[in-house]
Protein backbone atom coordinates (compact mmCIF):
# COMPACT_ATOMS: atom_id res chain seq x y z
CA UNK A 1 -26.80 -38.74 95.71
CA UNK A 2 -25.06 -40.02 92.64
CA UNK A 3 -28.40 -41.23 91.22
CA UNK A 4 -29.96 -37.76 91.71
CA UNK A 5 -26.97 -36.18 89.97
CA UNK A 6 -27.24 -38.56 87.01
CA UNK A 7 -31.00 -37.93 86.82
CA UNK A 8 -30.37 -34.18 86.73
CA UNK A 9 -27.77 -34.66 83.99
CA UNK A 10 -30.27 -36.69 81.97
CA UNK A 11 -32.95 -33.99 82.32
CA UNK A 12 -30.56 -31.21 81.35
CA UNK A 13 -29.30 -33.24 78.38
CA UNK A 14 -32.86 -33.81 77.24
CA UNK A 15 -33.67 -30.11 77.64
CA UNK A 16 -30.70 -29.01 75.57
CA UNK A 17 -31.46 -31.67 72.97
CA UNK A 18 -34.96 -30.22 72.56
CA UNK A 19 -33.52 -26.71 72.33
CA UNK A 20 -30.99 -27.84 69.73
CA UNK A 21 -33.64 -29.58 67.67
CA UNK A 22 -35.84 -26.48 67.78
CA UNK A 23 -32.88 -24.28 66.84
CA UNK A 24 -31.99 -26.62 64.00
CA UNK A 25 -35.58 -26.61 62.76
CA UNK A 26 -35.78 -22.82 62.78
CA UNK A 27 -32.36 -22.31 61.23
CA UNK A 28 -32.56 -24.98 58.55
CA UNK A 29 -36.15 -25.89 57.76
CA UNK A 30 -37.73 -22.47 58.27
CA UNK A 31 -34.73 -20.37 57.40
CA UNK A 32 -36.17 -18.98 54.17
CA UNK A 33 -39.52 -18.13 55.71
CA UNK A 34 -38.09 -16.26 58.67
CA UNK A 35 -35.46 -14.58 56.59
CA UNK A 36 -38.22 -13.26 54.33
CA UNK A 37 -40.33 -12.28 57.34
CA UNK A 38 -37.40 -10.35 58.76
CA UNK A 39 -36.91 -8.69 55.38
CA UNK A 40 -40.57 -7.80 55.17
CA UNK A 41 -40.20 -6.16 58.54
CA UNK A 42 -37.46 -3.88 57.25
CA UNK A 43 -36.61 -2.88 53.66
CA UNK A 44 -38.11 -3.84 50.31
CA UNK A 45 -36.55 -3.14 46.90
CA UNK A 46 -38.86 -1.58 44.29
CA UNK A 47 -38.08 -1.14 40.57
CA UNK A 48 -38.58 2.35 39.10
CA UNK A 49 -39.55 2.06 35.44
CA UNK A 50 -37.78 4.54 33.19
CA UNK A 51 -39.96 6.52 30.77
CA UNK A 52 -39.25 5.95 27.08
CA UNK A 53 -38.00 8.81 24.97
CA UNK A 54 -40.54 11.25 23.53
CA UNK A 55 -41.02 11.19 19.74
CA UNK A 56 -41.53 14.57 17.99
CA UNK A 57 -42.45 15.60 14.45
CA UNK A 58 -40.18 17.82 12.32
CA UNK A 59 -41.63 20.97 13.95
CA UNK A 60 -41.14 19.81 17.54
CA UNK A 61 -44.76 18.75 18.05
CA UNK A 62 -45.04 15.58 20.22
CA UNK A 63 -46.25 12.49 18.41
CA UNK A 64 -45.64 10.08 21.29
CA UNK A 65 -45.38 11.08 24.94
CA UNK A 66 -45.65 9.37 28.33
CA UNK A 67 -48.15 9.41 31.16
CA UNK A 68 -47.98 7.70 34.52
CA UNK A 69 -50.12 4.66 35.24
CA UNK A 70 -49.78 1.98 37.88
CA UNK A 71 -49.68 -1.78 38.25
CA UNK A 72 -51.28 -3.22 41.39
CA UNK A 73 -49.52 -6.23 42.92
CA UNK A 74 -49.85 -8.33 46.06
CA UNK A 75 -47.22 -10.19 48.07
CA UNK A 76 -49.14 -13.34 49.14
CA UNK A 77 -47.09 -13.93 52.29
CA UNK A 78 -48.11 -10.53 53.70
CA UNK A 79 -51.84 -11.06 53.23
CA UNK A 80 -53.66 -11.50 56.56
CA UNK A 81 -57.05 -12.97 57.40
CA UNK A 82 -58.43 -9.41 57.69
CA UNK A 83 -57.60 -8.56 54.10
CA UNK A 84 -60.36 -6.55 52.39
CA UNK A 85 -60.98 -8.69 49.31
CA UNK A 86 -64.21 -6.92 48.44
CA UNK A 87 -62.39 -3.59 47.93
CA UNK A 88 -59.90 -5.26 45.64
CA UNK A 89 -62.73 -6.97 43.80
CA UNK A 90 -64.29 -3.60 42.93
CA UNK A 91 -61.03 -2.49 41.31
CA UNK A 92 -60.05 -5.65 39.46
CA UNK A 93 -63.47 -6.92 38.46
CA UNK A 94 -62.55 -10.33 39.86
CA UNK A 95 -64.82 -12.01 42.41
CA UNK A 96 -63.77 -12.04 46.06
CA UNK A 97 -63.91 -15.84 46.01
CA UNK A 98 -61.60 -15.97 42.99
CA UNK A 99 -59.15 -13.49 44.51
CA UNK A 100 -59.07 -15.20 47.89
CA UNK A 101 -58.58 -18.63 46.36
CA UNK A 102 -55.76 -17.46 44.11
CA UNK A 103 -53.89 -15.58 46.83
CA UNK A 104 -54.27 -18.39 49.38
CA UNK A 105 -52.93 -20.85 46.83
CA UNK A 106 -49.94 -18.64 46.15
CA UNK A 107 -49.41 -18.08 49.88
CA UNK A 108 -48.71 -21.80 50.27
CA UNK A 109 -46.36 -21.94 47.29
CA UNK A 110 -42.61 -21.61 47.15
CA UNK A 111 -43.00 -18.14 45.54
CA UNK A 112 -45.18 -16.70 48.31
CA UNK A 113 -42.77 -13.79 48.81
CA UNK A 114 -42.83 -12.77 45.13
CA UNK A 115 -45.21 -9.92 44.11
CA UNK A 116 -48.14 -11.03 41.95
CA UNK A 117 -49.63 -8.48 39.53
CA UNK A 118 -53.39 -8.36 40.07
CA UNK A 119 -54.35 -5.39 37.89
CA UNK A 120 -52.36 -3.54 35.24
CA UNK A 121 -52.69 0.05 34.20
CA UNK A 122 -54.83 1.58 36.93
CA UNK A 123 -55.11 5.35 37.08
CA UNK A 124 -53.99 7.75 39.79
CA UNK A 125 -57.49 8.16 41.25
CA UNK A 126 -57.88 4.41 41.77
CA UNK A 127 -54.47 4.15 43.36
CA UNK A 128 -55.25 7.04 45.72
CA UNK A 129 -58.48 5.37 46.84
CA UNK A 130 -56.65 2.16 47.63
CA UNK A 131 -53.82 3.98 49.39
CA UNK A 132 -56.36 5.59 51.73
CA UNK A 133 -57.33 2.09 52.86
CA UNK A 134 -53.88 0.50 52.91
CA UNK A 135 -54.34 -0.76 56.51
CA UNK A 136 -57.06 -3.05 55.17
CA UNK A 137 -54.84 -4.16 52.27
CA UNK A 138 -51.56 -5.47 53.75
CA UNK A 139 -49.10 -6.72 51.16
CA UNK A 140 -50.53 -4.49 48.43
CA UNK A 141 -47.90 -2.59 46.46
CA UNK A 142 -47.96 -0.28 43.43
CA UNK A 143 -45.47 -0.08 40.59
CA UNK A 144 -45.30 3.14 38.60
CA UNK A 145 -45.43 2.51 34.89
CA UNK A 146 -44.72 5.20 32.27
CA UNK A 147 -47.19 4.34 29.51
CA UNK A 148 -47.27 5.72 25.98
CA UNK A 149 -49.79 8.36 25.04
CA UNK A 150 -50.50 9.83 21.61
CA UNK A 151 -51.42 13.52 21.90
CA UNK A 152 -51.41 14.29 18.16
CA UNK A 153 -54.29 13.98 15.71
CA UNK A 154 -51.95 12.16 13.34
CA UNK A 155 -52.10 8.45 14.13
CA UNK A 156 -48.96 7.32 12.25
CA UNK A 157 -49.40 3.84 13.63
CA UNK A 158 -47.46 2.09 10.86
CA UNK A 159 -44.55 4.43 11.52
CA UNK A 160 -44.57 4.72 15.30
CA UNK A 161 -45.36 1.08 16.05
CA UNK A 162 -46.45 -0.35 19.38
CA UNK A 163 -45.08 -2.05 22.50
CA UNK A 164 -45.27 -5.59 23.86
CA UNK A 165 -44.61 -7.01 27.32
CA UNK A 166 -41.55 -9.15 27.96
CA UNK A 167 -42.54 -12.62 29.12
CA UNK A 168 -40.58 -15.21 31.05
CA UNK A 169 -39.95 -17.20 27.90
CA UNK A 170 -38.53 -14.38 25.80
CA UNK A 171 -35.73 -15.79 23.68
CA UNK A 172 -34.56 -13.05 21.30
CA UNK A 173 -30.85 -12.41 21.69
CA UNK A 174 -31.36 -8.70 21.09
CA UNK A 175 -33.77 -8.47 23.99
CA UNK A 176 -31.38 -10.47 26.19
CA UNK A 177 -28.59 -8.06 25.33
CA UNK A 178 -30.74 -5.18 26.50
CA UNK A 179 -31.14 -6.87 29.89
CA UNK A 180 -34.92 -7.19 29.91
CA UNK A 181 -36.80 -8.75 32.77
CA UNK A 182 -40.28 -10.18 32.86
CA UNK A 183 -42.92 -7.44 32.85
CA UNK A 184 -40.76 -4.88 31.00
CA UNK A 185 -42.01 -3.43 27.73
CA UNK A 186 -40.16 -3.26 24.44
CA UNK A 187 -40.79 -1.86 20.99
CA UNK A 188 -42.40 -4.54 18.86
CA UNK A 189 -42.87 -2.69 15.58
CA UNK A 190 -42.15 0.57 13.77
CA UNK A 191 -39.89 3.29 15.13
CA UNK A 192 -40.42 1.90 18.65
CA UNK A 193 -38.64 -1.27 17.56
CA UNK A 194 -36.00 0.11 15.19
CA UNK A 195 -34.80 2.66 17.75
CA UNK A 196 -35.50 0.57 20.86
CA UNK A 197 -31.98 0.91 22.21
CA UNK A 198 -32.17 4.71 21.82
CA UNK A 199 -35.71 5.22 23.17
CA UNK A 200 -35.44 2.83 26.10
CA UNK A 201 -34.30 4.37 29.37
CA UNK A 202 -32.55 2.81 32.37
CA UNK A 203 -34.65 1.64 35.30
CA UNK A 204 -33.88 2.82 38.81
CA UNK A 205 -34.49 1.31 42.24
CA UNK A 206 -36.19 2.45 45.42
CA UNK A 207 -35.89 0.98 48.91
CA UNK A 208 -38.96 1.28 51.16
CA UNK A 209 -39.65 0.48 54.79
CA UNK A 210 -42.28 -2.21 55.23
CA UNK A 211 -43.45 -3.60 58.59
CA UNK A 212 -44.16 -7.20 59.45
CA UNK A 213 -47.80 -6.75 58.46
CA UNK A 214 -46.92 -5.63 54.94
CA UNK A 215 -47.74 -1.97 55.55
CA UNK A 216 -45.55 0.47 53.57
CA UNK A 217 -43.95 3.21 55.72
CA UNK A 218 -42.16 5.19 53.03
CA UNK A 219 -38.64 5.44 51.60
CA UNK A 220 -35.77 3.94 53.57
CA UNK A 221 -33.73 7.02 54.47
CA UNK A 222 -30.33 5.31 54.72
CA UNK A 223 -30.54 4.02 51.13
CA UNK A 224 -33.19 5.74 49.01
CA UNK A 225 -32.00 3.97 45.82
CA UNK A 226 -31.22 5.30 42.33
CA UNK A 227 -33.30 7.42 39.99
CA UNK A 228 -34.44 6.07 36.66
CA UNK A 229 -32.93 7.62 33.51
CA UNK A 230 -35.42 8.50 30.75
CA UNK A 231 -34.83 7.33 27.20
CA UNK A 232 -33.58 9.68 24.49
CA UNK A 233 -35.98 11.79 22.45
CA UNK A 234 -36.35 11.29 18.69
CA UNK A 235 -37.34 13.88 16.10
CA UNK A 236 -38.93 12.50 12.97
CA UNK A 237 -39.08 14.15 9.56
CA UNK A 238 -42.88 13.79 9.60
CA UNK A 239 -45.05 16.91 9.22
CA UNK A 240 -47.92 15.99 11.56
CA UNK A 241 -50.34 18.52 10.00
CA UNK A 242 -49.78 17.09 6.52
CA UNK A 243 -50.01 13.58 7.96
CA UNK A 244 -53.32 14.37 9.65
CA UNK A 245 -54.71 15.91 6.44
CA UNK A 246 -53.93 12.80 4.40
CA UNK A 247 -55.31 10.45 7.05
CA UNK A 248 -58.61 12.35 6.89
CA UNK A 249 -58.60 12.14 3.08
CA UNK A 250 -58.19 8.37 3.40
CA UNK A 251 -61.10 7.74 5.75
CA UNK A 252 -63.05 4.75 4.37
CA UNK A 253 -60.37 4.14 1.74
CA UNK A 254 -57.68 1.49 1.38
CA UNK A 255 -54.27 2.25 0.02
CA UNK A 256 -51.11 4.17 0.76
CA UNK A 257 -49.59 7.65 0.57
CA UNK A 258 -46.00 8.66 1.09
CA UNK A 259 -44.66 12.21 0.82
CA UNK A 260 -40.97 13.09 0.82
CA UNK A 261 -38.49 15.91 0.49
CA UNK A 262 -36.79 14.92 -2.79
CA UNK A 263 -33.35 16.38 -2.13
CA UNK A 264 -32.86 14.99 1.39
CA UNK A 265 -34.90 11.76 1.34
CA UNK A 266 -36.82 12.87 4.44
CA UNK A 267 -40.31 11.38 4.73
CA UNK A 268 -42.92 14.07 5.43
CA UNK A 269 -46.04 11.89 5.52
CA UNK A 270 -46.61 8.16 5.68
CA UNK A 271 -50.13 6.71 5.48
CA UNK A 272 -51.20 3.09 5.20
CA UNK A 273 -54.94 2.52 5.26
CA UNK A 274 -56.80 0.98 6.89
CA UNK A 275 -54.81 1.38 10.04
CA UNK A 276 -55.51 1.24 13.73
CA UNK A 277 -55.37 3.63 16.65
CA UNK A 278 -53.24 3.29 19.77
CA UNK A 279 -54.95 6.13 21.62
CA UNK A 280 -57.24 3.71 23.43
CA UNK A 281 -54.38 1.87 25.07
CA UNK A 282 -52.35 3.00 28.00
CA UNK A 283 -49.50 0.59 27.49
CA UNK A 284 -48.58 -2.44 25.44
CA UNK A 285 -51.13 -3.68 22.94
CA UNK A 286 -53.06 -6.64 24.40
CA UNK A 287 -52.24 -9.90 22.64
CA UNK A 288 -55.93 -10.64 21.93
CA UNK A 289 -56.35 -7.30 20.20
CA UNK A 290 -53.20 -7.86 18.14
CA UNK A 291 -54.48 -11.28 17.06
CA UNK A 292 -57.75 -9.65 16.01
CA UNK A 293 -55.91 -7.13 13.86
CA UNK A 294 -53.76 -9.88 12.40
CA UNK A 295 -56.77 -11.93 11.31
CA UNK A 296 -58.78 -8.96 9.99
CA UNK A 297 -59.40 -9.41 6.21
CA UNK A 298 -58.87 -5.64 5.76
CA UNK A 299 -55.27 -6.18 6.92
CA UNK A 300 -54.80 -3.13 9.18
CA UNK A 301 -51.36 -4.42 10.27
CA UNK A 302 -50.08 -4.51 6.68
CA UNK A 303 -47.78 -1.57 6.06
CA UNK A 304 -48.89 -0.91 2.49
CA UNK A 305 -46.27 1.82 1.94
CA UNK A 306 -43.34 -0.58 2.20
CA UNK A 307 -44.99 -4.03 2.08
CA UNK A 308 -47.84 -3.60 -0.40
CA UNK A 309 -46.86 -5.05 -3.78
CA UNK A 310 -48.81 -3.57 -6.69
CA UNK A 311 -48.47 -3.30 -10.47
CA UNK A 312 -47.26 0.30 -10.92
CA UNK A 313 -49.38 0.78 -14.03
CA UNK A 314 -48.62 3.68 -16.33
CA UNK A 315 -46.36 5.39 -13.79
CA UNK A 316 -43.83 2.85 -15.05
CA UNK A 317 -43.92 4.19 -18.61
CA UNK A 318 -41.37 6.76 -17.44
CA UNK A 319 -38.77 3.96 -17.27
CA UNK A 320 -39.23 2.98 -20.90
CA UNK A 321 -39.28 6.64 -21.95
CA UNK A 322 -36.04 7.32 -20.05
CA UNK A 323 -34.33 4.37 -21.74
CA UNK A 324 -35.51 5.40 -25.21
CA UNK A 325 -34.07 8.89 -24.77
CA UNK A 326 -30.87 7.74 -23.10
CA UNK A 327 -30.09 5.25 -25.90
CA UNK A 328 -31.32 7.57 -28.71
CA UNK A 329 -33.76 4.87 -29.80
CA UNK A 330 -36.51 7.28 -30.82
CA UNK A 331 -36.95 11.02 -31.16
CA UNK A 332 -39.92 13.35 -31.18
CA UNK A 333 -40.49 12.70 -34.86
CA UNK A 334 -41.13 9.00 -34.33
CA UNK A 335 -44.88 8.54 -34.12
CA UNK A 336 -47.34 5.70 -33.70
CA UNK A 337 -50.98 5.59 -34.74
CA UNK A 338 -53.19 4.48 -31.85
CA UNK A 339 -56.58 3.04 -32.80
CA UNK A 340 -57.08 1.50 -29.35
CA UNK A 341 -55.71 -1.98 -30.20
CA UNK A 342 -52.26 -3.47 -30.81
CA UNK A 343 -52.20 -6.94 -32.32
CA UNK A 344 -49.30 -9.30 -31.72
CA UNK A 345 -49.71 -12.75 -33.24
CA UNK A 346 -53.15 -13.93 -32.22
CA UNK A 347 -53.38 -11.63 -29.15
CA UNK A 348 -54.89 -8.17 -28.85
CA UNK A 349 -53.35 -5.62 -26.47
CA UNK A 350 -55.62 -2.69 -25.66
CA UNK A 351 -55.22 0.97 -24.82
CA UNK A 352 -57.18 2.38 -21.93
CA UNK A 353 -58.76 4.71 -24.51
CA UNK A 354 -60.66 2.16 -26.58
CA UNK A 355 -61.40 4.80 -29.27
CA UNK A 356 -57.67 5.39 -29.70
CA UNK A 357 -55.47 8.49 -29.45
CA UNK A 358 -54.68 8.86 -33.15
CA UNK A 359 -51.17 9.86 -34.16
CA UNK A 360 -48.93 10.21 -31.05
CA UNK A 361 -45.26 10.87 -30.41
CA UNK A 362 -43.36 10.34 -27.15
CA UNK A 363 -44.58 13.60 -25.60
CA UNK A 364 -48.26 13.05 -26.32
CA UNK A 365 -47.96 9.36 -25.45
CA UNK A 366 -46.91 10.28 -21.91
CA UNK A 367 -49.35 13.18 -21.60
CA UNK A 368 -52.27 10.96 -22.52
CA UNK A 369 -50.73 7.72 -21.23
CA UNK A 370 -51.15 5.87 -24.52
CA UNK A 371 -50.51 2.14 -24.15
CA UNK A 372 -50.25 1.46 -27.89
CA UNK A 373 -47.26 3.78 -28.28
CA UNK A 374 -45.37 1.94 -25.56
CA UNK A 375 -46.26 -1.48 -26.99
CA UNK A 376 -44.53 -0.40 -30.20
CA UNK A 377 -41.65 1.14 -28.23
CA UNK A 378 -40.97 -2.06 -26.28
CA UNK A 379 -40.30 -3.82 -29.59
CA UNK A 380 -37.38 -1.46 -30.12
CA UNK A 381 -35.88 -1.74 -26.62
CA UNK A 382 -33.39 -4.24 -25.25
CA UNK A 383 -35.04 -6.27 -22.50
CA UNK A 384 -31.81 -6.32 -20.50
CA UNK A 385 -31.38 -2.56 -20.87
CA UNK A 386 -34.98 -2.00 -19.75
CA UNK A 387 -34.43 -4.11 -16.63
CA UNK A 388 -31.15 -2.29 -15.87
CA UNK A 389 -32.86 1.11 -16.22
CA UNK A 390 -35.69 0.06 -13.88
CA UNK A 391 -33.16 -1.10 -11.31
CA UNK A 392 -31.26 2.17 -11.68
CA UNK A 393 -34.44 3.97 -10.56
CA UNK A 394 -34.58 1.78 -7.45
CA UNK A 395 -37.04 -0.92 -8.49
CA UNK A 396 -36.43 -4.54 -7.56
CA UNK A 397 -34.55 -3.69 -4.36
CA UNK A 398 -35.36 -2.24 -0.95
CA UNK A 399 -34.98 1.52 -0.51
CA UNK A 400 -33.42 1.04 2.93
CA UNK A 401 -36.01 3.06 4.84
CA UNK A 402 -35.60 2.80 8.63
CA UNK A 403 -38.54 0.45 9.15
CA UNK A 404 -38.59 -3.33 9.22
CA UNK A 405 -40.27 -5.60 6.70
CA UNK A 406 -39.72 -3.63 3.48
CA UNK A 407 -40.46 -5.64 0.32
CA UNK A 408 -38.20 -5.54 -2.73
CA UNK A 409 -40.87 -5.69 -5.41
CA UNK A 410 -40.15 -7.49 -8.67
CA UNK A 411 -38.49 -6.52 -11.93
CA UNK A 412 -38.57 -9.73 -13.96
CA UNK A 413 -35.52 -10.80 -15.89
CA UNK A 414 -34.89 -13.74 -18.20
CA UNK A 415 -33.97 -16.14 -15.39
CA UNK A 416 -37.15 -15.21 -13.51
CA UNK A 417 -39.32 -15.76 -16.61
CA UNK A 418 -37.60 -19.04 -17.47
CA UNK A 419 -38.19 -20.32 -13.97
CA UNK A 420 -41.82 -19.22 -13.81
CA UNK A 421 -43.01 -19.99 -17.35
CA UNK A 422 -40.36 -22.36 -18.70
CA UNK A 423 -37.71 -21.44 -21.25
CA UNK A 424 -40.21 -21.43 -24.11
CA UNK A 425 -43.23 -20.44 -22.05
CA UNK A 426 -42.86 -16.70 -22.43
CA UNK A 427 -42.47 -14.38 -25.39
CA UNK A 428 -42.70 -10.76 -26.51
CA UNK A 429 -46.28 -10.60 -25.31
CA UNK A 430 -45.06 -10.77 -21.72
CA UNK A 431 -42.69 -7.87 -22.30
CA UNK A 432 -45.44 -5.64 -23.66
CA UNK A 433 -47.20 -5.77 -20.30
CA UNK A 434 -43.98 -4.92 -18.46
CA UNK A 435 -43.40 -1.56 -20.14
CA UNK A 436 -46.84 -0.32 -19.02
CA UNK A 437 -46.26 -1.58 -15.46
CA UNK A 438 -48.44 -4.68 -15.54
CA UNK A 439 -47.92 -8.43 -15.49
CA UNK A 440 -45.03 -9.59 -13.32
CA UNK A 441 -43.83 -6.06 -12.53
CA UNK A 442 -44.52 -5.25 -8.87
CA UNK A 443 -43.57 -2.21 -6.82
CA UNK A 444 -44.23 -0.66 -3.44
CA UNK A 445 -45.49 2.93 -3.02
CA UNK A 446 -42.19 3.95 -1.46
CA UNK A 447 -40.35 2.74 -4.58
CA UNK A 448 -42.69 4.80 -6.77
CA UNK A 449 -42.04 8.02 -4.85
CA UNK A 450 -38.32 7.21 -4.82
CA UNK A 451 -38.42 7.09 -8.64
CA UNK A 452 -40.04 10.52 -8.66
CA UNK A 453 -37.35 11.85 -6.28
CA UNK A 454 -34.69 10.69 -8.71
CA UNK A 455 -36.42 12.51 -11.59
CA UNK A 456 -37.00 15.66 -9.52
CA UNK A 457 -33.32 15.86 -8.45
CA UNK A 458 -31.90 14.73 -11.79
CA UNK A 459 -30.41 11.61 -10.26
CA UNK A 460 -29.02 13.03 -7.00
CA UNK A 461 -31.08 12.21 -3.93
CA UNK A 462 -30.87 10.17 -0.72
CA UNK A 463 -32.56 6.98 0.34
CA UNK A 464 -35.84 7.46 2.27
CA UNK A 465 -35.63 7.92 6.02
CA UNK A 466 -37.78 9.00 8.97
CA UNK A 467 -35.26 10.63 11.31
CA UNK A 468 -34.84 14.35 10.78
CA UNK A 469 -31.53 15.67 9.46
CA UNK A 470 -29.89 12.27 9.17
CA UNK A 471 -27.86 11.68 6.03
CA UNK A 472 -28.52 8.30 4.51
CA UNK A 473 -27.09 6.50 1.51
CA UNK A 474 -26.79 8.84 -1.46
CA UNK A 475 -28.38 7.84 -4.74
CA UNK A 476 -26.58 8.84 -7.94
CA UNK A 477 -28.09 7.93 -11.30
CA UNK A 478 -26.12 9.35 -14.19
CA UNK A 479 -28.17 10.05 -17.33
CA UNK A 480 -27.73 12.56 -20.11
CA UNK A 481 -28.85 16.11 -19.46
CA UNK A 482 -31.31 15.78 -22.33
CA UNK A 483 -32.89 12.72 -20.70
CA UNK A 484 -33.48 14.57 -17.44
CA UNK A 485 -34.82 17.55 -19.37
CA UNK A 486 -37.27 15.32 -21.18
CA UNK A 487 -38.48 13.50 -18.03
CA UNK A 488 -39.07 16.74 -16.13
CA UNK A 489 -40.84 18.37 -19.06
CA UNK A 490 -42.94 15.25 -19.71
CA UNK A 491 -44.10 15.01 -16.08
CA UNK A 492 -44.98 18.71 -16.14
CA UNK A 493 -47.08 18.25 -19.30
CA UNK A 494 -48.97 15.30 -17.73
CA UNK A 495 -50.34 17.67 -15.07
CA UNK A 496 -50.46 21.01 -16.89
CA UNK A 497 -51.35 20.23 -20.52
CA UNK A 498 -55.05 20.51 -21.33
CA UNK A 499 -55.09 16.87 -22.44
CA UNK A 500 -52.82 15.60 -19.65
CA UNK A 501 -54.17 12.66 -17.63
CA UNK A 502 -53.01 14.27 -14.38
CA UNK A 503 -54.60 17.70 -14.78
CA UNK A 504 -56.85 17.16 -11.72
CA UNK A 505 -53.67 17.39 -9.63
CA UNK A 506 -53.05 20.99 -10.74
CA UNK A 507 -52.77 23.63 -8.02
CA UNK A 508 -53.31 27.30 -8.87
CA UNK A 509 -50.03 29.16 -8.89
CA UNK A 510 -48.01 26.00 -8.23
CA UNK A 511 -45.49 24.11 -10.36
CA UNK A 512 -46.65 20.48 -10.12
CA UNK A 513 -45.18 17.55 -12.07
CA UNK A 514 -46.59 14.02 -12.11
CA UNK A 515 -47.69 10.79 -13.75
CA UNK A 516 -50.94 8.86 -13.43
CA UNK A 517 -51.32 5.11 -13.42
CA UNK A 518 -54.05 2.50 -13.36
CA UNK A 519 -53.03 -0.87 -11.96
CA UNK A 520 -55.01 -3.87 -13.10
CA UNK A 521 -56.53 -5.84 -10.26
CA UNK A 522 -57.77 -9.40 -10.86
CA UNK A 523 -59.81 -9.26 -7.63
CA UNK A 524 -61.98 -6.28 -8.48
CA UNK A 525 -61.87 -2.64 -9.54
CA UNK A 526 -58.48 -1.34 -10.72
CA UNK A 527 -56.13 0.49 -8.36
CA UNK A 528 -55.54 4.21 -8.83
CA UNK A 529 -52.00 5.71 -8.90
CA UNK A 530 -50.59 9.22 -8.98
CA UNK A 531 -47.03 10.21 -8.30
CA UNK A 532 -45.46 13.63 -8.68
CA UNK A 533 -43.59 16.51 -7.10
CA UNK A 534 -43.96 20.23 -6.34
CA UNK A 535 -41.34 22.81 -7.37
CA UNK A 536 -40.84 26.15 -5.59
CA UNK A 537 -38.36 28.71 -6.90
CA UNK A 538 -36.81 26.08 -9.12
CA UNK A 539 -36.27 23.62 -6.24
CA UNK A 540 -38.29 20.38 -5.80
CA UNK A 541 -39.70 20.64 -2.29
CA UNK A 542 -42.22 17.82 -1.92
CA UNK A 543 -42.86 14.55 -3.75
CA UNK A 544 -45.77 12.17 -3.30
CA UNK A 545 -47.01 8.75 -4.34
CA UNK A 546 -50.70 8.03 -3.86
CA UNK A 547 -52.26 4.60 -4.30
CA UNK A 548 -56.00 4.08 -3.83
CA UNK A 549 -56.95 0.42 -3.87
CA UNK A 550 -59.99 -0.18 -6.11
CA UNK A 551 -59.94 3.54 -6.93
CA UNK A 552 -60.23 3.10 -10.70
CA UNK A 553 -58.36 5.47 -13.01
CA UNK A 554 -55.33 7.25 -11.57
CA UNK A 555 -56.43 10.38 -13.35
CA UNK A 556 -59.31 10.76 -10.89
CA UNK A 557 -59.14 9.35 -7.36
CA UNK A 558 -55.39 9.41 -6.74
CA UNK A 559 -54.95 12.69 -8.60
CA UNK A 560 -57.63 14.37 -6.44
CA UNK A 561 -55.81 13.41 -3.25
CA UNK A 562 -52.50 14.55 -4.74
CA UNK A 563 -54.08 17.92 -5.52
CA UNK A 564 -54.89 18.40 -1.82
CA UNK A 565 -51.38 17.37 -0.80
CA UNK A 566 -49.65 19.80 -3.13
CA UNK A 567 -52.12 22.54 -2.28
CA UNK A 568 -51.19 22.17 1.40
CA UNK A 569 -47.49 22.21 0.55
CA UNK A 570 -47.90 25.29 -1.62
CA UNK A 571 -49.88 27.26 0.97
CA UNK A 572 -48.82 26.09 4.40
CA UNK A 573 -45.83 23.83 4.45
CA UNK A 574 -42.51 25.08 5.81
CA UNK A 575 -40.56 22.92 3.34
């Protein structure tokens, strides 16, 4: 009897030992798997991507908007043997063998419960077709993605910028501070980057019921989640109609145009050509495409308005003229005879008019853009004073526009020349090229239009900016009243005098001021410059700087485009 009892005890002990071992195996070794399976049989958390803020032009016309697209993902653990790989293959373009192999591999991995994005940016019709067959696609989920769309004819790509996708290895502290996660998008350039914190919304969450087979059964009623919060809207100072006009004028051309409201510093148009179009892309720019742009010899990614460094040519003669008047170095009675050549030592310096202009004073020298007059004038000027005057008009430093990557240009001083050429390696000959905007003098188009704003407002303007009705740093250049009078009269004569080099920029019934320039280019045909401003009822309402690379004389190509700009502003603009 005792033996039977002990035998029974042994059997029971063995039975409970097996049960304990099984329990231990399930609780410890397969804990994660069954916990996930239980979760998949109940509630799943889904991120709701917040739409970015809409960007408008100065008249409330959308420049950048949002439209809904979808990312298709699969949870490998939920995929069954009956999964319809062929249907997924038709959507993704991947072979059924490739899909099956990839998903099966992931199903055996540690991350088998993590969603894997199979196809980005599918449209609503494609999603609907897949949703109709969701019983054949267990574990398939969709993430709504508010993608950028560009409804306006104006491309503005160098202003608006584009988006990139956050990767696992993102390291920027700024992006960390904004609490990005892998798969999010962020502004990578332009306004999208500068105002990222303002445009970016706050993601929400959604909890959905999912059965053990991975089939979605709708929102979990006890905890539906939180709604996403859209980003803030931005209104730019850009006039999209003017922008579109200039972009069309620059088809098949390279160069830059910037138009501004002189008194406020607001930018009304901003064109860098060649550019690129974002209309073909639903979301972030693919990295391969970006690399193609970056390696393109035409440099479509280069923002020529703020990063293009060019000799300003004869537009820069206004600096020397301003200094001469301010310091009472010359008056209208001081004349120079131009025969087309100025000889200094054993070097000849030429005028653009090889036949010469004859006897010229300051007024006619600017009207006809006579180089010889300014060669003589530079001999009378202090080099340090000339540099200081150029810097007073904003050259040699960034304007502070609300875009990244702005170049400072170059206004050479003695230390610069000593370093580049050696203490005795430069002489007066170098300075002669500076006063006509050649040699080591370099400027960006935005600096050129900023100079014209200063002239138009008699020294009282604001630094350039793209956000409407935002006051930026005020610019105050104090010169004598007579100096401002001279500069404004001289720029008027350049456009309106019968012999003025800028007469092509005239607009019937309009008060247009300006200055032409031809920038020497060692790599080919000269660059064409025109900068000026339009006055209405005694108030300067629109300024412009136009640079046409390889356009030849500023009196032709750039002046023609400026004519169209000021004609639009005279007839149609609300400025």
